[in-house]
Amino acid sequence: MSGWVIVSVKGDQRFSFPDGFVLKAGQSVTVQSGSKAQNNPPSILLWTTSNIWNNEGDPAELYDNKGNLIAKAG
């Protein structure tokens, strides 16, 4: 998923997946933010210890390494 990005639309905050990160079929990953966020790859990745999702109605978007919108939530 190198080059893939999650975007917090309202604040335009962006999380870029680390170079070389691979999400295999059947696996999942959690991207955390906030004061208690952890970094425990490959299952948990740290975005930031700041609060990203602290407002209502802030959609998330996932873009691939070519800039194509892959998924949207919220």
N, C-alpha and C. Protein backbone atom coordinates (compact mmCIF):
# COMPACT_ATOMS: atom_id res chain seq x y z
N MET A 1 0.82 -1.20 0.00
CA MET A 1 0.00 0.00 0.00
C MET A 1 0.86 1.26 0.00
N SER A 2 2.11 1.10 -0.36
CA SER A 2 2.97 2.27 -0.46
C SER A 2 2.32 3.30 -1.38
N GLY A 3 2.25 4.53 -0.93
CA GLY A 3 1.65 5.58 -1.73
C GLY A 3 0.16 5.74 -1.54
N TRP A 4 -0.50 4.83 -0.80
CA TRP A 4 -1.92 4.96 -0.52
C TRP A 4 -2.10 5.97 0.60
N VAL A 5 -3.24 6.69 0.58
CA VAL A 5 -3.46 7.78 1.53
C VAL A 5 -4.89 7.72 2.08
N ILE A 6 -5.02 7.95 3.39
CA ILE A 6 -6.33 8.17 4.01
C ILE A 6 -6.44 9.67 4.26
N VAL A 7 -7.60 10.24 3.92
CA VAL A 7 -7.81 11.67 4.08
C VAL A 7 -8.99 11.92 5.01
N SER A 8 -8.79 12.77 6.00
CA SER A 8 -9.87 13.33 6.81
C SER A 8 -10.35 14.56 6.05
N VAL A 9 -11.50 14.44 5.41
CA VAL A 9 -11.92 15.44 4.43
C VAL A 9 -12.08 16.84 5.03
N LYS A 10 -12.75 16.97 6.17
CA LYS A 10 -13.01 18.31 6.72
C LYS A 10 -11.74 19.06 7.08
N GLY A 11 -10.77 18.39 7.65
CA GLY A 11 -9.55 19.06 8.05
C GLY A 11 -8.42 18.92 7.05
N ASP A 12 -8.67 18.13 6.00
CA ASP A 12 -7.65 17.83 4.99
C ASP A 12 -6.37 17.28 5.62
N GLN A 13 -6.53 16.48 6.70
CA GLN A 13 -5.38 15.78 7.26
C GLN A 13 -5.18 14.50 6.46
N ARG A 14 -3.92 14.11 6.29
CA ARG A 14 -3.60 12.96 5.44
C ARG A 14 -2.66 12.00 6.15
N PHE A 15 -2.97 10.72 5.98
CA PHE A 15 -2.10 9.66 6.48
C PHE A 15 -1.61 8.89 5.26
N SER A 16 -0.31 8.80 5.12
CA SER A 16 0.29 8.02 4.03
C SER A 16 0.80 6.71 4.59
N PHE A 17 0.41 5.62 3.97
CA PHE A 17 0.90 4.31 4.41
C PHE A 17 2.41 4.25 4.21
N PRO A 18 3.11 3.61 5.14
CA PRO A 18 4.57 3.55 5.06
C PRO A 18 5.06 2.82 3.81
N ASP A 19 6.21 3.26 3.31
CA ASP A 19 6.83 2.57 2.17
C ASP A 19 7.01 1.10 2.52
N GLY A 20 6.66 0.24 1.59
CA GLY A 20 6.83 -1.19 1.78
C GLY A 20 5.70 -1.87 2.54
N PHE A 21 4.70 -1.11 3.02
CA PHE A 21 3.60 -1.72 3.76
C PHE A 21 2.74 -2.53 2.81
N VAL A 22 2.49 -3.79 3.19
CA VAL A 22 1.67 -4.69 2.38
C VAL A 22 0.51 -5.19 3.23
N LEU A 23 -0.69 -5.09 2.71
CA LEU A 23 -1.88 -5.63 3.36
C LEU A 23 -2.30 -6.85 2.54
N LYS A 24 -2.09 -8.02 3.11
CA LYS A 24 -2.38 -9.26 2.40
C LYS A 24 -3.87 -9.57 2.44
N ALA A 25 -4.30 -10.39 1.51
CA ALA A 25 -5.70 -10.81 1.44
C ALA A 25 -6.13 -11.39 2.78
N GLY A 26 -7.27 -10.93 3.28
CA GLY A 26 -7.80 -11.42 4.55
C GLY A 26 -7.27 -10.71 5.77
N GLN A 27 -6.27 -9.87 5.62
CA GLN A 27 -5.72 -9.12 6.74
C GLN A 27 -6.44 -7.78 6.87
N SER A 28 -6.32 -7.20 8.04
CA SER A 28 -6.85 -5.85 8.25
C SER A 28 -5.79 -5.02 8.98
N VAL A 29 -5.96 -3.72 8.90
CA VAL A 29 -5.06 -2.81 9.59
C VAL A 29 -5.91 -1.71 10.22
N THR A 30 -5.51 -1.28 11.39
CA THR A 30 -6.15 -0.16 12.07
C THR A 30 -5.18 1.00 12.07
N VAL A 31 -5.66 2.17 11.65
CA VAL A 31 -4.85 3.38 11.68
C VAL A 31 -5.40 4.23 12.82
N GLN A 32 -4.55 4.51 13.82
CA GLN A 32 -5.01 5.19 15.02
C GLN A 32 -4.50 6.62 15.11
N SER A 33 -5.34 7.46 15.75
CA SER A 33 -4.95 8.81 16.10
C SER A 33 -5.49 9.11 17.49
N GLY A 34 -4.94 10.14 18.13
CA GLY A 34 -5.38 10.52 19.46
C GLY A 34 -4.32 10.25 20.50
N SER A 35 -4.58 10.71 21.70
CA SER A 35 -3.56 10.66 22.76
C SER A 35 -3.17 9.23 23.15
N LYS A 36 -4.03 8.27 22.94
CA LYS A 36 -3.73 6.88 23.30
C LYS A 36 -3.38 6.02 22.08
N ALA A 37 -3.17 6.65 20.95
CA ALA A 37 -2.86 5.91 19.72
C ALA A 37 -1.54 5.17 19.86
N GLN A 38 -1.48 4.01 19.22
CA GLN A 38 -0.30 3.15 19.28
C GLN A 38 0.23 2.89 17.88
N ASN A 39 1.45 2.41 17.85
CA ASN A 39 2.05 1.95 16.60
C ASN A 39 2.54 0.53 16.85
N ASN A 40 1.87 -0.44 16.25
CA ASN A 40 2.22 -1.84 16.40
C ASN A 40 2.04 -2.54 15.06
N PRO A 41 2.90 -2.20 14.08
CA PRO A 41 2.78 -2.78 12.75
C PRO A 41 2.92 -4.30 12.79
N PRO A 42 2.31 -5.03 11.92
CA PRO A 42 1.53 -4.52 10.79
C PRO A 42 0.04 -4.34 11.09
N SER A 43 -0.43 -4.66 12.30
CA SER A 43 -1.87 -4.60 12.55
C SER A 43 -2.36 -3.21 12.98
N ILE A 44 -1.50 -2.40 13.59
CA ILE A 44 -1.87 -1.05 14.04
C ILE A 44 -0.80 -0.07 13.58
N LEU A 45 -1.25 0.97 12.89
CA LEU A 45 -0.33 2.01 12.43
C LEU A 45 -0.71 3.33 13.10
N LEU A 46 0.28 4.07 13.53
CA LEU A 46 0.07 5.37 14.17
C LEU A 46 -0.01 6.47 13.12
N TRP A 47 -1.13 7.20 13.14
CA TRP A 47 -1.27 8.38 12.29
C TRP A 47 -0.63 9.55 13.03
N THR A 48 -1.16 9.86 14.22
CA THR A 48 -0.67 10.96 15.03
C THR A 48 -1.25 10.83 16.43
N THR A 49 -0.63 11.49 17.39
CA THR A 49 -1.21 11.52 18.73
C THR A 49 -2.17 12.70 18.89
N SER A 50 -2.37 13.46 17.85
CA SER A 50 -3.40 14.50 17.84
C SER A 50 -4.74 13.86 17.48
N ASN A 51 -5.83 14.55 17.81
CA ASN A 51 -7.15 14.04 17.46
C ASN A 51 -7.49 14.44 16.02
N ILE A 52 -7.74 13.45 15.20
CA ILE A 52 -8.11 13.69 13.81
C ILE A 52 -9.63 13.65 13.67
N TRP A 53 -10.27 12.66 14.25
CA TRP A 53 -11.71 12.43 14.05
C TRP A 53 -12.49 13.01 15.23
N ASN A 54 -12.30 14.26 15.55
CA ASN A 54 -12.95 14.86 16.71
C ASN A 54 -14.11 15.77 16.33
N ASN A 55 -14.61 15.63 15.13
CA ASN A 55 -15.75 16.43 14.72
C ASN A 55 -16.76 15.54 13.98
N GLU A 56 -18.04 15.85 14.13
CA GLU A 56 -19.08 15.05 13.50
C GLU A 56 -19.13 15.32 12.00
N GLY A 57 -19.48 14.28 11.27
CA GLY A 57 -19.67 14.44 9.84
C GLY A 57 -18.40 14.64 9.06
N ASP A 58 -17.29 14.15 9.55
CA ASP A 58 -16.02 14.28 8.84
C ASP A 58 -15.77 12.99 8.07
N PRO A 59 -16.04 12.98 6.77
CA PRO A 59 -15.84 11.77 6.00
C PRO A 59 -14.36 11.40 5.86
N ALA A 60 -14.13 10.13 5.69
CA ALA A 60 -12.78 9.61 5.41
C ALA A 60 -12.77 9.10 3.98
N GLU A 61 -11.66 9.31 3.31
CA GLU A 61 -11.49 8.81 1.95
C GLU A 61 -10.17 8.06 1.86
N LEU A 62 -10.17 6.98 1.08
CA LEU A 62 -8.97 6.19 0.84
C LEU A 62 -8.62 6.28 -0.63
N TYR A 63 -7.38 6.69 -0.90
CA TYR A 63 -6.91 6.83 -2.27
C TYR A 63 -5.75 5.87 -2.51
N ASP A 64 -5.71 5.30 -3.71
CA ASP A 64 -4.59 4.42 -4.06
C ASP A 64 -3.39 5.26 -4.47
N ASN A 65 -2.31 4.57 -4.84
CA ASN A 65 -1.06 5.26 -5.18
C ASN A 65 -1.12 6.02 -6.50
N LYS A 66 -2.26 5.92 -7.22
CA LYS A 66 -2.42 6.68 -8.46
C LYS A 66 -3.41 7.82 -8.29
N GLY A 67 -3.90 8.01 -7.03
CA GLY A 67 -4.83 9.10 -6.77
C GLY A 67 -6.28 8.75 -6.99
N ASN A 68 -6.59 7.48 -7.24
CA ASN A 68 -7.96 7.04 -7.45
C ASN A 68 -8.66 6.85 -6.11
N LEU A 69 -9.88 7.38 -5.99
CA LEU A 69 -10.68 7.18 -4.79
C LEU A 69 -11.13 5.73 -4.75
N ILE A 70 -10.73 5.01 -3.68
CA ILE A 70 -11.04 3.58 -3.55
C ILE A 70 -12.23 3.36 -2.63
N ALA A 71 -12.32 4.13 -1.55
CA ALA A 71 -13.42 3.96 -0.59
C ALA A 71 -13.68 5.28 0.11
N LYS A 72 -14.94 5.44 0.57
CA LYS A 72 -15.34 6.64 1.30
C LYS A 72 -16.27 6.22 2.43
N ALA A 73 -16.06 6.78 3.61
CA ALA A 73 -16.92 6.48 4.75
C ALA A 73 -17.34 7.78 5.41
N GLY A 74 -18.57 7.80 5.90
CA GLY A 74 -19.05 8.97 6.63
C GLY A 74 -19.71 9.91 5.74
